C-alpha atoms as a PDB file:
ATOM      1  CA  MET A   1      98.124  12.537  89.869  1.00  0.00           C
ATOM      2  CA  GLY A   2      96.334  13.671  93.033  1.00  0.00           C
ATOM      3  CA  ASP A   3      97.288  17.281  92.300  1.00  0.00           C
ATOM      4  CA  PHE A   4      95.924  16.964  88.765  1.00  0.00           C
ATOM      5  CA  TRP A   5      92.515  15.877  90.125  1.00  0.00           C
ATOM      6  CA  PHE A   6      92.622  18.694  92.678  1.00  0.00           C
ATOM      7  CA  TYR A   7      93.016  21.236  89.868  1.00  0.00           C
ATOM      8  CA  ILE A   8      90.306  19.589  87.747  1.00  0.00           C
ATOM      9  CA  LYS A   9      87.970  19.926  90.730  1.00  0.00           C
ATOM     10  CA  MET A  10      89.088  23.539  91.184  1.00  0.00           C
ATOM     11  CA  GLY A  11      88.322  24.279  87.508  1.00  0.00           C
ATOM     12  CA  LEU A  12      84.878  22.713  87.880  1.00  0.00           C
ATOM     13  CA  GLU A  13      84.136  24.673  91.032  1.00  0.00           C
ATOM     14  CA  HIS A  14      85.479  27.903  89.530  1.00  0.00           C
ATOM     15  CA  VAL A  15      82.922  27.883  86.733  1.00  0.00           C
ATOM     16  CA  LEU A  16      79.994  26.219  88.541  1.00  0.00           C
ATOM     17  CA  ASP A  17      80.200  28.417  91.656  1.00  0.00           C
ATOM     18  CA  LEU A  18      76.760  30.044  91.877  1.00  0.00           C
ATOM     19  CA  SER A  19      78.041  32.861  94.099  1.00  0.00           C
ATOM     20  CA  ALA A  20      80.459  33.874  91.336  1.00  0.00           C
ATOM     21  CA  TYR A  21      78.036  33.402  88.474  1.00  0.00           C
ATOM     22  CA  ASP A  22      79.809  35.556  85.892  1.00  0.00           C
ATOM     23  CA  HIS A  23      81.122  32.491  83.997  1.00  0.00           C
ATOM     24  CA  ILE A  24      77.703  30.856  83.980  1.00  0.00           C
ATOM     25  CA  LEU A  25      76.064  34.074  82.793  1.00  0.00           C
ATOM     26  CA  PHE A  26      78.651  34.594  80.055  1.00  0.00           C
ATOM     27  CA  LEU A  27      78.342  31.007  78.796  1.00  0.00           C
ATOM     28  CA  ALA A  28      74.553  31.249  78.889  1.00  0.00           C
ATOM     29  CA  ALA A  29      74.672  34.470  76.856  1.00  0.00           C
ATOM     30  CA  LEU A  30      77.092  32.843  74.427  1.00  0.00           C
ATOM     31  CA  THR A  31      74.869  29.764  74.000  1.00  0.00           C
ATOM     32  CA  ILE A  32      71.413  31.407  73.833  1.00  0.00           C
ATOM     33  CA  PRO A  33      71.322  31.841  70.008  1.00  0.00           C
ATOM     34  CA  PHE A  34      72.267  28.216  69.360  1.00  0.00           C
ATOM     35  CA  SER A  35      70.427  24.882  69.438  1.00  0.00           C
ATOM     36  CA  PHE A  36      71.420  21.232  69.426  1.00  0.00           C
ATOM     37  CA  LYS A  37      71.550  21.472  65.613  1.00  0.00           C
ATOM     38  CA  SER A  38      74.520  23.826  65.912  1.00  0.00           C
ATOM     39  CA  TRP A  39      76.230  22.092  68.850  1.00  0.00           C
ATOM     40  CA  LYS A  40      79.586  21.980  67.051  1.00  0.00           C
ATOM     41  CA  LYS A  41      79.672  25.781  66.845  1.00  0.00           C
ATOM     42  CA  VAL A  42      78.850  26.099  70.534  1.00  0.00           C
ATOM     43  CA  LEU A  43      81.528  23.550  71.433  1.00  0.00           C
ATOM     44  CA  LEU A  44      84.032  25.481  69.308  1.00  0.00           C
ATOM     45  CA  LEU A  45      83.216  28.740  71.107  1.00  0.00           C
ATOM     46  CA  ALA A  46      83.401  27.100  74.558  1.00  0.00           C
ATOM     47  CA  SER A  47      86.771  25.582  73.641  1.00  0.00           C
ATOM     48  CA  ILE A  48      88.092  28.935  72.383  1.00  0.00           C
ATOM     49  CA  PHE A  49      86.933  30.491  75.635  1.00  0.00           C
ATOM     50  CA  THR A  50      88.702  27.771  77.676  1.00  0.00           C
ATOM     51  CA  ALA A  51      91.938  28.040  75.680  1.00  0.00           C
ATOM     52  CA  THR A  52      92.175  31.824  75.968  1.00  0.00           C
ATOM     53  CA  HIS A  53      91.052  31.741  79.610  1.00  0.00           C
ATOM     54  CA  CYS A  54      93.923  29.359  80.383  1.00  0.00           C
ATOM     55  CA  LEU A  55      96.337  31.361  78.216  1.00  0.00           C
ATOM     56  CA  SER A  56      95.728  34.454  80.345  1.00  0.00           C
ATOM     57  CA  LEU A  57      96.152  32.350  83.488  1.00  0.00           C
ATOM     58  CA  ALA A  58      99.482  31.070  82.137  1.00  0.00           C
ATOM     59  CA  LEU A  59     100.635  34.558  81.153  1.00  0.00           C
ATOM     60  CA  SER A  60      99.801  35.790  84.627  1.00  0.00           C
ATOM     61  CA  THR A  61     101.191  32.735  86.472  1.00  0.00           C
ATOM     62  CA  TYR A  62     104.547  33.083  84.722  1.00  0.00           C
ATOM     63  CA  GLU A  63     104.325  36.899  85.169  1.00  0.00           C
ATOM     64  CA  ILE A  64     104.655  37.528  81.442  1.00  0.00           C
ATOM     65  CA  LEU A  65     101.659  39.854  81.565  1.00  0.00           C
ATOM     66  CA  VAL A  66     100.131  41.363  84.691  1.00  0.00           C
ATOM     67  CA  VAL A  67      96.831  43.222  84.421  1.00  0.00           C
ATOM     68  CA  ASP A  68      94.990  45.490  86.869  1.00  0.00           C
ATOM     69  CA  VAL A  69      92.450  43.194  88.521  1.00  0.00           C
ATOM     70  CA  GLY A  70      90.080  46.054  89.389  1.00  0.00           C
ATOM     71  CA  PHE A  71      89.750  46.998  85.731  1.00  0.00           C
ATOM     72  CA  ILE A  72      89.347  43.326  84.742  1.00  0.00           C
ATOM     73  CA  GLU A  73      86.547  42.938  87.307  1.00  0.00           C
ATOM     74  CA  PHE A  74      84.701  45.680  85.418  1.00  0.00           C
ATOM     75  CA  LEU A  75      85.486  44.215  81.990  1.00  0.00           C
ATOM     76  CA  ILE A  76      83.968  40.825  82.899  1.00  0.00           C
ATOM     77  CA  PRO A  77      80.360  42.135  83.088  1.00  0.00           C
ATOM     78  CA  VAL A  78      81.130  44.258  80.015  1.00  0.00           C
ATOM     79  CA  THR A  79      81.863  41.032  78.082  1.00  0.00           C
ATOM     80  CA  ILE A  80      78.575  39.529  79.257  1.00  0.00           C
ATOM     81  CA  PHE A  81      76.681  42.694  78.330  1.00  0.00           C
ATOM     82  CA  ILE A  82      78.261  42.871  74.858  1.00  0.00           C
ATOM     83  CA  THR A  83      77.485  39.191  74.210  1.00  0.00           C
ATOM     84  CA  ALA A  84      73.818  39.692  75.127  1.00  0.00           C
ATOM     85  CA  VAL A  85      73.609  42.829  72.950  1.00  0.00           C
ATOM     86  CA  PHE A  86      75.269  40.895  70.114  1.00  0.00           C
ATOM     87  CA  ASN A  87      72.490  38.291  70.462  1.00  0.00           C
ATOM     88  CA  LEU A  88      69.834  41.005  70.155  1.00  0.00           C
ATOM     89  CA  VAL A  89      71.479  42.664  67.154  1.00  0.00           C
ATOM     90  CA  TYR A  90      71.822  39.368  65.297  1.00  0.00           C
ATOM     91  CA  VAL A  91      68.531  37.810  66.462  1.00  0.00           C
ATOM     92  CA  LYS A  92      67.296  37.364  62.892  1.00  0.00           C
ATOM     93  CA  ALA A  93      70.569  35.891  61.583  1.00  0.00           C
ATOM     94  CA  ASP A  94      70.523  32.223  60.645  1.00  0.00           C
ATOM     95  CA  VAL A  95      72.978  30.595  63.063  1.00  0.00           C
ATOM     96  CA  GLN A  96      73.484  27.628  60.739  1.00  0.00           C
ATOM     97  CA  HIS A  97      74.882  29.783  57.936  1.00  0.00           C
ATOM     98  CA  LYS A  98      76.345  32.683  59.921  1.00  0.00           C
ATOM     99  CA  SER A  99      80.111  33.161  59.911  1.00  0.00           C
ATOM    100  CA  MET A 100      81.642  32.302  63.255  1.00  0.00           C
ATOM    101  CA  PHE A 101      84.688  34.519  62.712  1.00  0.00           C
ATOM    102  CA  LEU A 102      83.451  37.559  64.686  1.00  0.00           C
ATOM    103  CA  HIS A 103      81.928  35.324  67.366  1.00  0.00           C
ATOM    104  CA  SER A 104      85.222  33.438  67.692  1.00  0.00           C
ATOM    105  CA  ILE A 105      87.359  36.595  67.929  1.00  0.00           C
ATOM    106  CA  ALA A 106      85.053  38.136  70.547  1.00  0.00           C
ATOM    107  CA  THR A 107      84.973  34.873  72.531  1.00  0.00           C
ATOM    108  CA  ALA A 108      88.779  34.672  72.474  1.00  0.00           C
ATOM    109  CA  CYS A 109      89.108  38.241  73.773  1.00  0.00           C
ATOM    110  CA  PHE A 110      86.479  37.614  76.432  1.00  0.00           C
ATOM    111  CA  GLY A 111      88.233  34.392  77.491  1.00  0.00           C
ATOM    112  CA  LEU A 112      91.443  36.358  78.044  1.00  0.00           C
ATOM    113  CA  ILE A 113      89.583  38.881  80.182  1.00  0.00           C
ATOM    114  CA  HIS A 114      87.834  36.218  82.285  1.00  0.00           C
ATOM    115  CA  GLY A 115      91.134  34.392  82.808  1.00  0.00           C
ATOM    116  CA  PHE A 116      92.862  37.517  84.061  1.00  0.00           C
ATOM    117  CA  GLY A 117      89.949  37.989  86.458  1.00  0.00           C
ATOM    118  CA  PHE A 118      90.872  34.750  88.201  1.00  0.00           C
ATOM    119  CA  SER A 119      94.638  35.069  87.801  1.00  0.00           C
ATOM    120  CA  ASN A 120      95.532  36.555  91.216  1.00  0.00           C
ATOM    121  CA  TYR A 121      93.808  33.742  93.098  1.00  0.00           C
ATOM    122  CA  PHE A 122      95.348  31.130  90.801  1.00  0.00           C
ATOM    123  CA  LYS A 123      98.830  32.701  91.179  1.00  0.00           C
ATOM    124  CA  MET A 124      98.457  32.562  94.945  1.00  0.00           C
ATOM    125  CA  LEU A 125      97.667  28.839  94.718  1.00  0.00           C
ATOM    126  CA  MET A 126     100.595  28.311  92.369  1.00  0.00           C
ATOM    127  CA  ALA A 127     103.120  30.144  94.563  1.00  0.00           C
ATOM    128  CA  GLU A 128     104.367  26.943  96.219  1.00  0.00           C
ATOM    129  CA  GLU A 129     104.187  24.791  93.078  1.00  0.00           C
ATOM    130  CA  GLU A 130     107.325  24.053  91.093  1.00  0.00           C
ATOM    131  CA  ASP A 131     105.406  22.339  88.284  1.00  0.00           C
ATOM    132  CA  LYS A 132     102.938  24.850  86.930  1.00  0.00           C
ATOM    133  CA  ILE A 133     101.957  22.955  83.760  1.00  0.00           C
ATOM    134  CA  THR A 134     100.080  20.112  85.510  1.00  0.00           C
ATOM    135  CA  PRO A 135      97.853  22.490  87.518  1.00  0.00           C
ATOM    136  CA  LEU A 136      97.144  24.596  84.410  1.00  0.00           C
ATOM    137  CA  LEU A 137      96.170  21.512  82.396  1.00  0.00           C
ATOM    138  CA  GLY A 138      94.043  20.121  85.229  1.00  0.00           C
ATOM    139  CA  PHE A 139      92.358  23.464  85.722  1.00  0.00           C
ATOM    140  CA  ALA A 140      91.709  23.816  81.972  1.00  0.00           C
ATOM    141  CA  PHE A 141      90.183  20.332  81.853  1.00  0.00           C
ATOM    142  CA  GLY A 142      87.943  21.156  84.819  1.00  0.00           C
ATOM    143  CA  ILE A 143      86.850  24.388  83.144  1.00  0.00           C
ATOM    144  CA  GLU A 144      86.057  22.583  79.901  1.00  0.00           C
ATOM    145  CA  LEU A 145      83.974  19.957  81.721  1.00  0.00           C
ATOM    146  CA  SER A 146      82.020  22.573  83.649  1.00  0.00           C
ATOM    147  CA  GLN A 147      81.451  24.616  80.512  1.00  0.00           C
ATOM    148  CA  LEU A 148      80.042  21.552  78.789  1.00  0.00           C
ATOM    149  CA  VAL A 149      77.593  21.158  81.688  1.00  0.00           C
ATOM    150  CA  ILE A 150      76.464  24.784  81.334  1.00  0.00           C
ATOM    151  CA  VAL A 151      76.273  24.713  77.534  1.00  0.00           C
ATOM    152  CA  ILE A 152      74.277  21.468  77.531  1.00  0.00           C
ATOM    153  CA  SER A 153      71.957  22.877  80.212  1.00  0.00           C
ATOM    154  CA  VAL A 154      71.289  26.016  78.157  1.00  0.00           C
ATOM    155  CA  LEU A 155      70.761  23.929  75.003  1.00  0.00           C
ATOM    156  CA  ILE A 156      68.226  21.782  76.906  1.00  0.00           C
ATOM    157  CA  VAL A 157      66.375  24.922  78.058  1.00  0.00           C
ATOM    158  CA  THR A 158      66.445  26.198  74.464  1.00  0.00           C
ATOM    159  CA  TRP A 159      65.049  22.889  73.198  1.00  0.00           C
ATOM    160  CA  LEU A 160      62.299  22.903  75.841  1.00  0.00           C
ATOM    161  CA  MET A 161      61.333  26.508  75.096  1.00  0.00           C
ATOM    162  CA  GLN A 162      61.209  25.953  71.348  1.00  0.00           C
ATOM    163  CA  ASN A 163      59.814  22.411  71.146  1.00  0.00           C
ATOM    164  CA  VAL A 164      57.680  21.959  74.249  1.00  0.00           C
ATOM    165  CA  PHE A 165      56.508  25.510  74.950  1.00  0.00           C
ATOM    166  CA  LYS A 166      56.582  26.455  71.231  1.00  0.00           C
ATOM    167  CA  VAL A 167      58.354  29.781  71.735  1.00  0.00           C
ATOM    168  CA  LYS A 168      59.770  31.095  68.463  1.00  0.00           C
ATOM    169  CA  GLN A 169      63.560  31.095  68.405  1.00  0.00           C
ATOM    170  CA  SER A 170      63.780  34.858  67.864  1.00  0.00           C
ATOM    171  CA  ILE A 171      61.414  35.558  70.787  1.00  0.00           C
ATOM    172  CA  TYR A 172      63.373  33.184  73.025  1.00  0.00           C
ATOM    173  CA  ILE A 173      66.679  34.837  72.101  1.00  0.00           C
ATOM    174  CA  ILE A 174      65.249  38.299  72.799  1.00  0.00           C
ATOM    175  CA  ILE A 175      63.729  37.352  76.187  1.00  0.00           C
ATOM    176  CA  ALA A 176      66.765  35.361  77.368  1.00  0.00           C
ATOM    177  CA  SER A 177      69.224  38.055  76.224  1.00  0.00           C
ATOM    178  CA  ILE A 178      67.234  40.819  77.933  1.00  0.00           C
ATOM    179  CA  ALA A 179      67.227  38.717  81.127  1.00  0.00           C
ATOM    180  CA  VAL A 180      71.032  38.440  80.884  1.00  0.00           C
ATOM    181  CA  LEU A 181      71.290  42.215  80.364  1.00  0.00           C
ATOM    182  CA  LEU A 182      69.106  42.912  83.416  1.00  0.00           C
ATOM    183  CA  ILE A 183      71.226  40.605  85.580  1.00  0.00           C
ATOM    184  CA  THR A 184      74.439  42.167  84.243  1.00  0.00           C
ATOM    185  CA  ILE A 185      73.574  45.849  84.786  1.00  0.00           C
ATOM    186  CA  PRO A 186      74.000  45.697  88.604  1.00  0.00           C
ATOM    187  CA  MET A 187      77.350  43.931  88.091  1.00  0.00           C
ATOM    188  CA  LEU A 188      78.457  46.763  85.792  1.00  0.00           C
ATOM    189  CA  ILE A 189      77.411  49.411  88.325  1.00  0.00           C
ATOM    190  CA  ALA A 190      79.080  47.586  91.242  1.00  0.00           C
ATOM    191  CA  THR A 191      82.416  47.186  89.422  1.00  0.00           C
ATOM    192  CA  PHE A 192      82.482  50.547  87.602  1.00  0.00           C
ATOM    193  CA  PRO A 193      86.060  51.778  88.173  1.00  0.00           C
ATOM    194  CA  PHE A 194      85.522  55.529  87.893  1.00  0.00           C
END
């Protein structure tokens, strides 16, 4: 059971690590268009992200699929950039009545990419482990908990901006998404593989 808690803590630290803020930035971009009224949709997307993130870790851990980490390191900011652009394109769409199909598919793909980005480090940790399922489950649980912290934090900021500071939802989405884009551009340049 001690190992399980170790991997939960590792999952928490993996996502909440401010020096490796790509997860935080992606989850913020994913959550920006939503409010507490649509919390179920946000929770669904965060869970899809966790599941596919852990799937890619499992595929890599069991060496079913090995991906070039350098290319993945470039794709991670690409996923953040695309999510922020998606927010800007659909800024006028009513989140309550919008289909989540495209959002869900994109989130699943992005979860796979983010998982492969962490796979080498996770494989190194798993090298001495005979039981790989317990660490994967613990890690997934830690990721889910940390994602809930980030999603709730962004939803609180959204609520404050819209209800206390009276910023229109569309204006908030535009400003927050542009901020994400500006933070992401240097990451894209730094990881550009060509």
